[in-house]
Amino acid sequence: MYQYDQYDQTIVDERVAQYRDQVRRRLSGELSEDEFRPLRLQNGLYMQRHAYMHRIAIPYGNLRTDQLRMLAHIARKYDRGYGHFSTRTNIQYNWIKLEETPDLLADLASVQMHGIQTSGNDIRNITADQFAGVAPDEIVDPRPWAEILRQWSTFHPEFSWLPRKFKIAVCSSKEDRIAVKIHDLGVYLSKNEAGEVVCAILAGGGLGRTPIVGSIIRENLPWQHLLTYCEAVLRVYNRFGRRDNMFKARIKILVKALGPAKFAEQVEAEWQHLKDGPSTLTQAEFDRVARHFEPHTYEKLSDTDASFEKHLLENRAFARWIERNMRPHRVPGYAAVTLSLKPAKGAPGDATAEQMEAVADWADQYSFGEVRVSHEQNLILADVRKRDLFAVWEEAKKQGFATPNLGLLTDIIACPGGDFCSLANAKSLPIAQAIQDRFDDLDYVYDLGDLSLNISGCINSCGHHHVGNIGILGVDKDGSEWYQVTLGGEQGEGARLGRVIGPSFAAEEMPDVMSKVIDTFVENRINGERFIDTYNRIGVAPFKERVYASRQPAHA
């Protein structure tokens, strides 16, 4: 994993000292809230419904165990004993006291962490595949490139006050596991016929009130030009992006207005001023960063293990967990396992201090002292020997992290919603829990197969509801909480947006609505096909007819 050098550490330490003085001046009244607001946002501090929320960066979702233990310490000392892992692989604390935030950031700096650029109109946390470095379908390890982008974008003087927030994802595998197409800027890494690394650049993706799937604007870009080309994209956006209306300020609006081809022309023209300039990457610079991501020293193992196979045959619950929550590894005898943060009656993405410390212990014992965070709000041990999988499963069960529901209906993606967020129109977590309660039969959920359910408490779409096979959006109707349902969304290579099925529903109706949607799927399913395949085949009409059959006209 990447380790700070003296420059990185100095930058973060000096930012903590600067922020400490800003908080002192705010508490003394020298700074008004309007003056302080942009300063706290630069350090990831939001004012939410009941208290401050602090968002901490987890670059490309990678954590050392000392960092995870520090996150547990933060939860216990400064919050109410837990944290929430978000769809951007960050962690959020919802009950923070302003006067304690400088000490919180100082504690984080001691393990090379911070909250810089986790909010505000700047370049946010760079994301990458949670199985980076171990996935068999990986072309190159995306983490060095994500780290290069992180270093380049942190405190970039030209992009500290963009029209709106800006999100970047880097993918280098055949399967897109990080939803690149719904990002402001996406990077697809591959190799050309000569075996050289090249980039395809995507721009203009995003969700929110105007959801748009991004478009490829440049292909076969030599890797040396990655930064200069990204800089050209951001310059065009910074110059022409709308600043008169925050709801139309994202790059997706600019790309849509110009059209992808015209936008690409603008970028190419800008790039001519940057190409081969100081930001051009060299092999020496790439090697400097890449050496932090050298493969671990793996044991030479057979890809079959007798004890593992024995447990699979003798323990049905373990076998089901392996089938859903284990991923293949590029090294024989190893596997990657996902620890589900979606237990029954639990808030999706939440983990207690004790649970985080337990995962850190497991990572030290079984996975080279590293933990990954996925944008689906789960945790990953990426390098577990197959002979250790049963022991990991038994430990995970004790902490409630062994639910075998990865990719299933109850593996729900959800934002914190109206329980915490001041922007939310409706609560997300109670709806997620009500659905989990309705579908508490794991055997039934297992038989339904792959099915994504995403919930957002407002149109900002932090729960990515637009690209869930089933999406739920909280809406405000005359001061009360209602929920709009979409069907047919997908993320990944075939990303597309879901379709609203009709009028919204009251909270108490949502479990029945979900049952009717699932019943329609089961009745029309052929040969065990996935939900999305059934939906694509029969369309929205049968679902809509079933859901609204006995319902009186309600809110639009």
Protein backbone atom coordinates (compact mmCIF):
# COMPACT_ATOMS: atom_id res chain seq x y z
CA MET A 1 0.00 0.00 0.00
CA TYR A 2 1.04 3.59 -0.50
CA GLN A 3 3.03 5.14 2.36
CA TYR A 4 3.30 8.87 2.90
CA ASP A 5 6.68 10.44 2.29
CA GLN A 6 7.89 13.49 4.23
CA TYR A 7 6.09 15.84 1.85
CA ASP A 8 2.74 14.06 2.18
CA GLN A 9 2.98 14.00 5.96
CA THR A 10 4.00 17.65 6.15
CA ILE A 11 1.06 18.70 3.98
CA VAL A 12 -1.44 16.83 6.14
CA ASP A 13 0.09 17.99 9.44
CA GLU A 14 0.11 21.61 8.30
CA ARG A 15 -3.50 21.32 7.17
CA VAL A 16 -4.47 20.08 10.66
CA ALA A 17 -2.72 23.06 12.27
CA GLN A 18 -4.40 25.46 9.86
CA TYR A 19 -7.81 23.94 10.50
CA ARG A 20 -7.27 24.01 14.28
CA ASP A 21 -6.82 27.78 14.10
CA GLN A 22 -9.91 28.11 11.88
CA VAL A 23 -12.01 26.22 14.43
CA ARG A 24 -10.62 28.36 17.25
CA ARG A 25 -11.65 31.50 15.39
CA ARG A 26 -15.11 30.09 14.65
CA LEU A 27 -15.70 29.17 18.30
CA SER A 28 -14.49 32.59 19.46
CA GLY A 29 -16.79 34.36 17.02
CA GLU A 30 -13.99 35.79 14.86
CA LEU A 31 -15.40 33.82 11.92
CA SER A 32 -19.10 33.73 11.06
CA GLU A 33 -20.72 30.48 9.95
CA ASP A 34 -20.80 31.77 6.37
CA GLU A 35 -17.06 32.44 6.54
CA PHE A 36 -16.32 29.13 8.23
CA ARG A 37 -18.48 26.93 6.02
CA PRO A 38 -16.11 26.67 3.01
CA LEU A 39 -13.19 26.08 5.38
CA ARG A 40 -14.82 23.17 7.19
CA LEU A 41 -16.06 21.67 3.92
CA GLN A 42 -12.48 21.59 2.64
CA ASN A 43 -11.78 19.25 5.55
CA GLY A 44 -14.85 17.05 5.13
CA LEU A 45 -17.02 18.53 7.88
CA TYR A 46 -20.75 18.92 7.15
CA MET A 47 -23.57 20.25 9.30
CA GLN A 48 -26.25 17.57 9.24
CA ARG A 49 -29.71 17.27 10.73
CA HIS A 50 -28.66 16.69 14.35
CA ALA A 51 -24.91 17.25 14.52
CA TYR A 52 -21.81 17.65 12.42
CA MET A 53 -20.89 14.79 10.10
CA HIS A 54 -17.20 14.20 9.35
CA ARG A 55 -16.25 12.37 6.16
CA ILE A 56 -12.82 10.74 6.05
CA ALA A 57 -11.04 9.80 2.82
CA ILE A 58 -10.13 6.19 2.10
CA PRO A 59 -8.23 6.48 -1.21
CA TYR A 60 -9.35 3.83 -3.71
CA GLY A 61 -10.84 1.95 -0.74
CA ASN A 62 -7.55 0.64 0.70
CA LEU A 63 -6.80 0.52 4.43
CA ARG A 64 -3.93 -0.71 6.56
CA THR A 65 -4.97 -2.33 9.82
CA ASP A 66 -3.47 0.48 11.90
CA GLN A 67 -5.69 2.85 9.93
CA LEU A 68 -8.79 0.72 10.47
CA ARG A 69 -8.04 0.58 14.18
CA MET A 70 -7.74 4.36 14.17
CA LEU A 71 -11.16 4.58 12.52
CA ALA A 72 -12.48 2.42 15.36
CA HIS A 73 -10.80 4.74 17.87
CA ILE A 74 -12.40 7.76 16.19
CA ALA A 75 -15.81 6.08 16.37
CA ARG A 76 -15.41 5.34 20.05
CA LYS A 77 -13.80 8.63 21.16
CA TYR A 78 -15.53 11.22 19.01
CA ASP A 79 -18.77 9.58 17.85
CA ARG A 80 -21.29 7.07 19.19
CA GLY A 81 -19.23 3.94 18.63
CA TYR A 82 -19.75 3.33 14.93
CA GLY A 83 -19.00 4.64 11.44
CA HIS A 84 -20.78 4.47 8.09
CA PHE A 85 -18.90 3.31 4.97
CA SER A 86 -20.23 5.19 1.95
CA THR A 87 -20.61 4.46 -1.76
CA ARG A 88 -17.44 6.48 -2.35
CA THR A 89 -15.49 4.04 -0.09
CA ASN A 90 -15.10 6.80 2.51
CA ILE A 91 -16.21 6.56 6.13
CA GLN A 92 -18.59 9.02 7.77
CA TYR A 93 -19.19 9.83 11.43
CA ASN A 94 -22.58 11.32 12.20
CA TRP A 95 -22.32 12.68 15.76
CA ILE A 96 -19.25 14.93 15.81
CA LYS A 97 -18.62 17.95 18.05
CA LEU A 98 -17.02 20.90 16.28
CA GLU A 99 -14.56 21.67 19.07
CA GLU A 100 -13.18 18.11 18.90
CA THR A 101 -12.64 17.97 15.13
CA PRO A 102 -9.04 19.32 15.15
CA ASP A 103 -8.01 16.54 17.55
CA LEU A 104 -9.88 14.01 15.41
CA LEU A 105 -7.93 15.10 12.32
CA ALA A 106 -4.65 15.08 14.26
CA ASP A 107 -5.33 11.49 15.30
CA LEU A 108 -6.02 10.58 11.68
CA ALA A 109 -2.84 12.32 10.49
CA SER A 110 -0.82 10.06 12.81
CA VAL A 111 -1.80 7.11 10.57
CA GLN A 112 -1.61 8.98 7.26
CA MET A 113 -5.31 9.78 6.87
CA HIS A 114 -7.35 12.96 6.47
CA GLY A 115 -10.66 14.47 5.40
CA ILE A 116 -9.23 16.74 2.69
CA GLN A 117 -11.41 17.12 -0.42
CA THR A 118 -14.12 14.76 0.80
CA SER A 119 -16.54 17.63 0.29
CA GLY A 120 -16.70 20.96 -1.51
CA ASN A 121 -16.47 21.79 -5.20
CA ASP A 122 -13.21 19.99 -5.86
CA ILE A 123 -11.87 16.62 -6.96
CA ARG A 124 -13.14 14.02 -4.52
CA ASN A 125 -11.72 10.69 -3.40
CA ILE A 126 -10.45 8.60 -6.35
CA THR A 127 -12.05 5.15 -6.48
CA ALA A 128 -10.88 1.83 -7.95
CA ASP A 129 -11.76 -1.86 -7.90
CA GLN A 130 -11.94 -3.43 -4.44
CA PHE A 131 -10.17 -6.49 -5.89
CA ALA A 132 -7.32 -4.47 -7.41
CA GLY A 133 -4.08 -6.42 -7.60
CA VAL A 134 -5.72 -9.82 -7.05
CA ALA A 135 -8.55 -10.12 -9.62
CA PRO A 136 -7.90 -12.71 -12.37
CA ASP A 137 -9.58 -10.49 -14.96
CA GLU A 138 -7.34 -7.51 -14.18
CA ILE A 139 -5.23 -6.16 -17.03
CA VAL A 140 -3.01 -3.92 -14.89
CA ASP A 141 -3.18 -2.93 -11.24
CA PRO A 142 -5.23 0.31 -11.16
CA ARG A 143 -3.98 1.48 -7.76
CA PRO A 144 -0.72 3.16 -8.91
CA TRP A 145 -2.74 5.17 -11.43
CA ALA A 146 -5.36 6.04 -8.82
CA GLU A 147 -2.63 7.14 -6.43
CA ILE A 148 -0.98 9.27 -9.12
CA LEU A 149 -4.34 10.93 -9.75
CA ARG A 150 -4.81 11.43 -6.01
CA GLN A 151 -1.46 13.15 -5.61
CA TRP A 152 -2.04 15.28 -8.70
CA SER A 153 -5.53 16.36 -7.65
CA THR A 154 -4.87 17.09 -3.97
CA PHE A 155 -4.68 20.87 -3.49
CA HIS A 156 -4.46 21.39 -7.26
CA PRO A 157 -4.63 25.20 -7.31
CA GLU A 158 -6.63 25.40 -10.53
CA PHE A 159 -9.32 22.95 -9.43
CA SER A 160 -10.03 23.92 -5.83
CA TRP A 161 -13.17 25.90 -6.77
CA LEU A 162 -14.84 23.97 -9.55
CA PRO A 163 -18.45 24.64 -10.57
CA ARG A 164 -19.42 21.52 -8.58
CA LYS A 165 -17.93 18.41 -7.01
CA PHE A 166 -15.96 16.13 -9.32
CA LYS A 167 -15.59 12.36 -9.04
CA ILE A 168 -13.06 10.10 -10.79
CA ALA A 169 -12.92 6.29 -11.04
CA VAL A 170 -10.18 4.07 -12.48
CA CYS A 171 -10.95 0.62 -13.91
CA SER A 172 -8.51 -1.89 -15.39
CA SER A 173 -10.44 -5.16 -15.36
CA LYS A 174 -12.75 -6.81 -17.85
CA GLU A 175 -15.64 -6.42 -15.40
CA ASP A 176 -16.42 -2.89 -14.28
CA ARG A 177 -16.97 -3.27 -10.53
CA ILE A 178 -16.84 0.43 -9.65
CA ALA A 179 -19.58 1.94 -11.81
CA VAL A 180 -17.21 4.01 -13.94
CA LYS A 181 -19.96 5.15 -16.28
CA ILE A 182 -21.75 7.18 -13.62
CA HIS A 183 -18.64 9.23 -12.77
CA ASP A 184 -17.74 12.74 -13.87
CA LEU A 185 -14.54 11.33 -15.32
CA GLY A 186 -13.62 7.69 -15.78
CA VAL A 187 -10.37 6.01 -16.78
CA TYR A 188 -10.35 2.57 -18.41
CA LEU A 189 -6.85 1.08 -18.49
CA SER A 190 -5.98 -1.62 -21.01
CA LYS A 191 -3.11 -2.75 -23.24
CA ASN A 192 -2.76 -2.22 -26.97
CA GLU A 193 -1.48 -4.79 -29.45
CA ALA A 194 2.10 -3.82 -28.57
CA GLY A 195 1.47 -4.57 -24.91
CA GLU A 196 1.62 -0.90 -23.90
CA VAL A 197 -0.76 0.51 -21.32
CA VAL A 198 -3.30 2.88 -22.83
CA CYS A 199 -6.27 4.77 -21.44
CA ALA A 200 -9.83 5.34 -22.56
CA ILE A 201 -11.25 8.49 -21.01
CA LEU A 202 -14.95 8.82 -20.16
CA ALA A 203 -16.65 12.09 -19.22
CA GLY A 204 -20.07 13.36 -18.26
CA GLY A 205 -21.49 10.57 -16.15
CA GLY A 206 -23.41 11.20 -12.97
CA LEU A 207 -26.68 10.65 -11.14
CA GLY A 208 -28.61 13.22 -9.10
CA ARG A 209 -31.63 15.06 -10.51
CA THR A 210 -30.34 14.65 -14.09
CA PRO A 211 -28.90 11.12 -14.30
CA ILE A 212 -26.66 10.52 -17.31
CA VAL A 213 -24.43 7.63 -18.36
CA GLY A 214 -21.01 8.96 -19.35
CA SER A 215 -19.47 8.83 -22.82
CA ILE A 216 -16.02 7.82 -24.04
CA ILE A 217 -14.31 10.96 -25.36
CA ARG A 218 -10.81 9.58 -26.01
CA GLU A 219 -9.44 6.10 -26.64
CA ASN A 220 -5.94 4.64 -26.86
CA LEU A 221 -4.35 7.51 -24.95
CA PRO A 222 -0.76 6.59 -24.02
CA TRP A 223 -0.46 6.35 -20.22
CA GLN A 224 2.18 9.07 -20.13
CA HIS A 225 -0.52 11.60 -21.03
CA LEU A 226 -3.06 10.58 -18.40
CA LEU A 227 -2.61 13.65 -16.19
CA THR A 228 -2.37 16.19 -18.99
CA TYR A 229 -5.52 14.85 -20.63
CA CYS A 230 -7.46 14.80 -17.35
CA GLU A 231 -6.26 18.34 -16.78
CA ALA A 232 -7.61 19.34 -20.18
CA VAL A 233 -11.01 17.84 -19.30
CA LEU A 234 -11.10 19.76 -16.04
CA ARG A 235 -9.99 23.01 -17.66
CA VAL A 236 -12.81 22.84 -20.17
CA TYR A 237 -15.28 22.07 -17.40
CA ASN A 238 -13.88 24.77 -15.11
CA ARG A 239 -14.17 27.36 -17.88
CA PHE A 240 -17.57 26.45 -19.33
CA GLY A 241 -19.39 24.63 -16.52
CA ARG A 242 -22.37 26.58 -15.21
CA ARG A 243 -21.90 28.51 -11.99
CA ASP A 244 -25.24 30.33 -12.06
CA ASN A 245 -27.27 27.27 -11.08
CA MET A 246 -25.86 24.61 -8.76
CA PHE A 247 -28.40 22.08 -10.05
CA LYS A 248 -26.95 22.41 -13.54
CA ALA A 249 -23.30 22.81 -12.61
CA ARG A 250 -22.03 19.21 -12.92
CA ILE A 251 -19.90 18.30 -15.93
CA LYS A 252 -22.64 15.97 -17.18
CA ILE A 253 -24.79 19.03 -17.98
CA LEU A 254 -21.97 20.59 -20.01
CA VAL A 255 -21.26 17.37 -21.91
CA LYS A 256 -24.96 16.91 -22.63
CA ALA A 257 -25.38 20.51 -23.77
CA LEU A 258 -22.39 20.39 -26.13
CA GLY A 259 -22.74 16.74 -27.08
CA PRO A 260 -19.90 14.26 -26.33
CA ALA A 261 -18.24 14.82 -29.73
CA LYS A 262 -18.14 18.61 -29.39
CA PHE A 263 -16.99 18.36 -25.79
CA ALA A 264 -14.20 16.03 -26.90
CA GLU A 265 -13.13 18.59 -29.53
CA GLN A 266 -12.88 21.26 -26.82
CA VAL A 267 -10.78 18.94 -24.67
CA GLU A 268 -8.47 18.02 -27.55
CA ALA A 269 -7.93 21.70 -28.31
CA GLU A 270 -7.11 22.43 -24.69
CA TRP A 271 -4.85 19.40 -24.51
CA GLN A 272 -2.63 20.79 -27.24
CA HIS A 273 -1.49 23.41 -24.72
CA LEU A 274 -0.68 20.74 -22.12
CA LYS A 275 0.57 17.78 -24.13
CA ASP A 276 4.21 16.89 -23.38
CA GLY A 277 4.25 19.56 -20.66
CA PRO A 278 5.47 19.27 -17.04
CA SER A 279 2.61 16.97 -16.01
CA THR A 280 3.55 14.33 -18.55
CA LEU A 281 4.22 11.11 -16.66
CA THR A 282 7.60 9.46 -16.83
CA GLN A 283 8.53 5.86 -16.23
CA ALA A 284 10.53 6.94 -13.19
CA GLU A 285 7.51 8.67 -11.65
CA PHE A 286 5.25 5.70 -12.33
CA ASP A 287 7.82 3.33 -10.83
CA ARG A 288 8.13 5.52 -7.73
CA VAL A 289 4.44 5.11 -7.01
CA ALA A 290 4.03 1.56 -8.30
CA ARG A 291 6.63 0.10 -5.96
CA HIS A 292 4.20 0.73 -3.09
CA PHE A 293 1.86 -1.79 -4.71
CA GLU A 294 4.26 -4.65 -5.26
CA PRO A 295 2.54 -8.04 -4.89
CA HIS A 296 2.75 -9.67 -1.49
CA THR A 297 5.04 -12.61 -0.88
CA TYR A 298 2.53 -15.38 -1.43
CA GLU A 299 3.06 -18.98 -0.44
CA LYS A 300 3.29 -21.53 -3.22
CA LEU A 301 0.05 -23.42 -2.75
CA SER A 302 -2.15 -25.78 -4.67
CA ASP A 303 -5.41 -24.23 -5.81
CA THR A 304 -7.23 -27.05 -4.05
CA ASP A 305 -7.06 -27.52 -0.29
CA ALA A 306 -8.31 -30.70 1.36
CA SER A 307 -9.55 -29.04 4.58
CA PHE A 308 -11.35 -26.34 2.61
CA GLU A 309 -13.05 -28.89 0.37
CA LYS A 310 -14.04 -30.96 3.43
CA HIS A 311 -15.72 -27.97 5.08
CA LEU A 312 -17.58 -27.21 1.84
CA LEU A 313 -19.01 -30.72 1.77
CA GLU A 314 -19.91 -30.89 5.45
CA ASN A 315 -21.21 -27.39 6.16
CA ARG A 316 -24.01 -26.05 3.97
CA ALA A 317 -23.96 -22.58 5.55
CA PHE A 318 -20.23 -22.22 4.91
CA ALA A 319 -20.64 -23.46 1.32
CA ARG A 320 -23.34 -20.86 0.69
CA TRP A 321 -21.13 -18.09 2.10
CA ILE A 322 -18.29 -19.21 -0.14
CA GLU A 323 -20.54 -19.26 -3.19
CA ARG A 324 -21.82 -15.72 -2.63
CA ASN A 325 -19.00 -13.94 -0.78
CA MET A 326 -15.78 -15.45 -2.14
CA ARG A 327 -14.05 -14.23 -5.29
CA PRO A 328 -11.29 -16.03 -7.22
CA HIS A 329 -7.69 -14.85 -6.78
CA ARG A 330 -4.95 -14.63 -9.38
CA VAL A 331 -2.61 -16.62 -7.10
CA PRO A 332 -3.36 -20.35 -6.63
CA GLY A 333 -4.49 -21.28 -3.13
CA TYR A 334 -5.80 -17.81 -2.26
CA ALA A 335 -9.18 -16.11 -2.41
CA ALA A 336 -10.76 -12.71 -1.77
CA VAL A 337 -13.71 -12.63 0.61
CA THR A 338 -16.32 -9.95 1.18
CA LEU A 339 -17.54 -9.28 4.71
CA SER A 340 -21.16 -8.18 4.43
CA LEU A 341 -22.12 -4.99 6.25
CA LYS A 342 -25.76 -5.79 5.47
CA PRO A 343 -26.95 -8.00 8.35
CA ALA A 344 -30.65 -8.42 9.10
CA LYS A 345 -31.98 -5.38 10.98
CA GLY A 346 -28.68 -3.55 10.43
CA ALA A 347 -28.09 -0.20 8.74
CA PRO A 348 -26.34 -0.86 5.40
CA GLY A 349 -22.69 0.18 5.55
CA ASP A 350 -22.47 0.66 9.32
CA ALA A 351 -19.74 -0.93 11.43
CA THR A 352 -19.11 -0.57 15.15
CA ALA A 353 -15.73 0.18 16.67
CA GLU A 354 -15.56 -3.39 17.96
CA GLN A 355 -16.35 -4.78 14.53
CA MET A 356 -13.69 -2.64 12.86
CA GLU A 357 -11.10 -3.80 15.38
CA ALA A 358 -12.10 -7.42 14.79
CA VAL A 359 -11.71 -7.02 11.01
CA ALA A 360 -8.29 -5.46 11.59
CA ASP A 361 -7.31 -8.50 13.67
CA TRP A 362 -8.48 -10.86 10.93
CA ALA A 363 -6.59 -8.89 8.29
CA ASP A 364 -3.39 -9.08 10.32
CA GLN A 365 -3.79 -12.80 10.79
CA TYR A 366 -5.12 -13.82 7.40
CA SER A 367 -4.68 -11.07 4.76
CA PHE A 368 -1.31 -9.30 4.94
CA GLY A 369 -2.63 -6.55 7.21
CA GLU A 370 -4.85 -4.92 4.56
CA VAL A 371 -8.59 -4.28 4.24
CA ARG A 372 -10.56 -2.99 1.25
CA VAL A 373 -13.83 -1.04 1.11
CA SER A 374 -16.23 -1.51 -1.82
CA HIS A 375 -18.62 1.07 -3.23
CA GLU A 376 -21.35 -1.43 -2.34
CA GLN A 377 -20.53 -0.56 1.30
CA ASN A 378 -18.89 -3.85 2.28
CA LEU A 379 -15.40 -4.76 3.54
CA ILE A 380 -12.99 -7.12 1.79
CA LEU A 381 -10.09 -9.32 2.84
CA ALA A 382 -8.34 -9.66 -0.50
CA ASP A 383 -5.62 -12.24 0.20
CA VAL A 384 -6.92 -15.14 2.28
CA ARG A 385 -5.46 -18.62 1.93
CA LYS A 386 -8.18 -21.11 1.09
CA ARG A 387 -7.22 -23.24 4.07
CA ASP A 388 -8.04 -20.24 6.31
CA LEU A 389 -11.46 -19.45 4.86
CA PHE A 390 -13.39 -21.57 7.34
CA ALA A 391 -11.65 -19.87 10.27
CA VAL A 392 -12.42 -16.44 8.78
CA TRP A 393 -16.05 -17.41 8.32
CA GLU A 394 -16.37 -18.55 11.93
CA GLU A 395 -14.85 -15.28 13.16
CA ALA A 396 -17.07 -13.25 10.83
CA LYS A 397 -20.19 -14.97 12.15
CA LYS A 398 -19.38 -13.77 15.68
CA GLN A 399 -19.40 -10.14 14.47
CA GLY A 400 -22.45 -10.43 12.20
CA PHE A 401 -20.30 -10.08 9.09
CA ALA A 402 -20.95 -13.50 7.52
CA THR A 403 -24.33 -12.92 5.87
CA PRO A 404 -24.13 -14.83 2.55
CA ASN A 405 -26.01 -12.18 0.59
CA LEU A 406 -23.44 -10.53 -1.64
CA GLY A 407 -25.17 -9.36 -4.81
CA LEU A 408 -28.58 -10.45 -3.54
CA LEU A 409 -31.75 -8.56 -2.66
CA THR A 410 -30.71 -7.83 0.94
CA ASP A 411 -27.22 -6.61 -0.02
CA ILE A 412 -28.81 -3.17 -0.07
CA ILE A 413 -26.92 -0.01 -0.96
CA ALA A 414 -28.34 2.92 1.02
CA CYS A 415 -27.38 6.44 2.04
CA PRO A 416 -27.89 7.57 5.67
CA GLY A 417 -31.06 9.39 4.56
CA GLY A 418 -33.31 11.55 6.65
CA ASP A 419 -32.20 10.03 9.94
CA PHE A 420 -29.05 12.11 9.60
CA CYS A 421 -28.72 14.07 6.36
CA SER A 422 -30.14 17.58 6.24
CA LEU A 423 -30.58 17.32 2.47
CA ALA A 424 -32.71 14.16 2.57
CA ASN A 425 -36.42 14.26 1.79
CA ALA A 426 -37.08 10.92 3.47
CA LYS A 427 -35.50 8.23 5.60
CA SER A 428 -33.53 5.46 3.87
CA LEU A 429 -32.47 3.17 6.69
CA PRO A 430 -35.94 2.27 8.02
CA ILE A 431 -37.02 1.35 4.48
CA ALA A 432 -33.94 -0.85 4.06
CA GLN A 433 -34.64 -2.53 7.41
CA ALA A 434 -38.33 -3.05 6.61
CA ILE A 435 -37.37 -4.75 3.33
CA GLN A 436 -34.78 -6.88 5.13
CA ASP A 437 -37.45 -7.92 7.61
CA ARG A 438 -39.87 -8.83 4.82
CA PHE A 439 -37.22 -10.91 3.03
CA ASP A 440 -35.59 -12.52 6.05
CA ASP A 441 -35.59 -16.02 4.54
CA LEU A 442 -32.03 -16.35 3.24
CA ASP A 443 -32.90 -19.47 1.26
CA TYR A 444 -35.61 -17.57 -0.62
CA VAL A 445 -33.33 -14.57 -1.22
CA TYR A 446 -30.59 -16.93 -2.37
CA ASP A 447 -32.94 -18.57 -4.87
CA LEU A 448 -33.85 -15.16 -6.34
CA GLY A 449 -30.26 -14.80 -7.54
CA ASP A 450 -28.40 -11.64 -8.47
CA LEU A 451 -30.53 -8.57 -7.79
CA SER A 452 -29.39 -5.08 -6.79
CA LEU A 453 -31.53 -2.82 -4.60
CA ASN A 454 -30.38 0.76 -4.07
CA ILE A 455 -32.02 3.39 -1.85
CA SER A 456 -31.47 7.18 -1.82
CA GLY A 457 -33.09 9.58 0.62
CA CYS A 458 -33.11 12.43 -1.89
CA ILE A 459 -32.44 13.31 -5.51
CA ASN A 460 -28.70 13.71 -4.83
CA SER A 461 -28.62 9.92 -5.30
CA CYS A 462 -25.91 9.01 -2.79
CA GLY A 463 -27.46 5.54 -2.75
CA HIS A 464 -27.13 5.22 -6.55
CA HIS A 465 -30.81 4.30 -6.88
CA HIS A 466 -30.84 5.11 -10.61
CA VAL A 467 -28.58 2.13 -11.39
CA GLY A 468 -30.12 -0.43 -9.06
CA ASN A 469 -32.13 -3.20 -10.68
CA ILE A 470 -34.67 -1.91 -8.19
CA GLY A 471 -34.25 1.68 -7.08
CA ILE A 472 -36.03 3.55 -4.30
CA LEU A 473 -35.96 7.35 -4.02
CA GLY A 474 -37.27 9.30 -1.06
CA VAL A 475 -39.41 12.29 -2.11
CA ASP A 476 -41.20 15.03 -0.20
CA LYS A 477 -44.95 15.24 -0.83
CA ASP A 478 -46.62 18.09 1.03
CA GLY A 479 -44.27 17.70 3.98
CA SER A 480 -44.54 13.92 4.27
CA GLU A 481 -42.17 11.15 3.21
CA TRP A 482 -42.98 9.15 0.07
CA TYR A 483 -40.96 6.76 -2.06
CA GLN A 484 -40.61 6.52 -5.83
CA VAL A 485 -39.69 3.15 -7.36
CA THR A 486 -37.57 2.59 -10.46
CA LEU A 487 -36.87 -0.69 -12.22
CA GLY A 488 -34.32 -1.81 -14.78
CA GLY A 489 -31.19 0.07 -13.74
CA GLU A 490 -27.75 -1.50 -14.11
CA GLN A 491 -24.18 -0.53 -13.28
CA GLY A 492 -21.01 -1.85 -14.85
CA GLU A 493 -20.20 -2.22 -18.52
CA GLY A 494 -23.86 -2.20 -19.54
CA ALA A 495 -24.77 0.70 -17.27
CA ARG A 496 -28.22 2.12 -17.77
CA LEU A 497 -30.77 4.09 -15.79
CA GLY A 498 -33.87 2.65 -14.19
CA ARG A 499 -37.39 3.68 -15.20
CA VAL A 500 -39.91 5.18 -12.77
CA ILE A 501 -42.88 2.81 -12.61
CA GLY A 502 -45.50 5.34 -11.50
CA PRO A 503 -46.80 7.31 -8.51
CA SER A 504 -44.89 7.17 -5.24
CA PHE A 505 -45.71 5.18 -2.12
CA ALA A 506 -45.98 5.85 1.60
CA ALA A 507 -43.32 4.29 3.82
CA GLU A 508 -45.68 1.66 5.25
CA GLU A 509 -46.51 0.48 1.72
CA MET A 510 -42.93 -0.25 0.70
CA PRO A 511 -42.59 -3.85 1.98
CA ASP A 512 -45.77 -4.82 0.13
CA VAL A 513 -44.60 -2.99 -3.00
CA MET A 514 -41.34 -4.92 -2.90
CA SER A 515 -43.20 -8.21 -2.41
CA LYS A 516 -45.35 -7.50 -5.46
CA VAL A 517 -42.30 -6.61 -7.57
CA ILE A 518 -40.53 -9.80 -6.51
CA ASP A 519 -43.66 -11.94 -6.98
CA THR A 520 -43.99 -10.60 -10.53
CA PHE A 521 -40.38 -11.49 -11.21
CA VAL A 522 -40.75 -15.03 -9.81
CA GLU A 523 -43.93 -15.70 -11.78
CA ASN A 524 -42.37 -14.56 -15.07
CA ARG A 525 -38.86 -15.91 -14.57
CA ILE A 526 -37.57 -18.48 -17.05
CA ASN A 527 -34.82 -21.01 -16.36
CA GLY A 528 -33.46 -19.26 -13.31
CA GLU A 529 -32.70 -16.01 -15.13
CA ARG A 530 -31.65 -12.89 -13.24
CA PHE A 531 -34.14 -10.20 -12.27
CA ILE A 532 -32.69 -7.77 -14.82
CA ASP A 533 -33.00 -10.36 -17.59
CA THR A 534 -36.64 -10.99 -16.76
CA TYR A 535 -37.30 -7.24 -16.63
CA ASN A 536 -35.59 -6.71 -19.99
CA ARG A 537 -37.68 -9.48 -21.52
CA ILE A 538 -41.15 -8.57 -20.21
CA GLY A 539 -40.77 -4.82 -19.65
CA VAL A 540 -42.21 -2.64 -16.92
CA ALA A 541 -45.92 -3.20 -17.62
CA PRO A 542 -46.44 -6.46 -15.67
CA PHE A 543 -44.67 -5.01 -12.62
CA LYS A 544 -46.64 -1.80 -12.78
CA GLU A 545 -49.94 -3.62 -13.19
CA ARG A 546 -49.26 -5.85 -10.19
CA VAL A 547 -48.07 -3.06 -7.92
CA TYR A 548 -50.94 -0.67 -8.64
CA ALA A 549 -53.73 -3.23 -9.20
CA SER A 550 -55.63 -2.65 -5.95
CA ARG A 551 -54.29 0.79 -5.10
CA GLN A 552 -56.32 3.95 -5.00
CA PRO A 553 -54.88 6.97 -6.87
CA ALA A 554 -52.16 8.55 -4.73
CA HIS A 555 -49.48 11.19 -4.95
CA ALA A 556 -47.84 11.58 -8.34
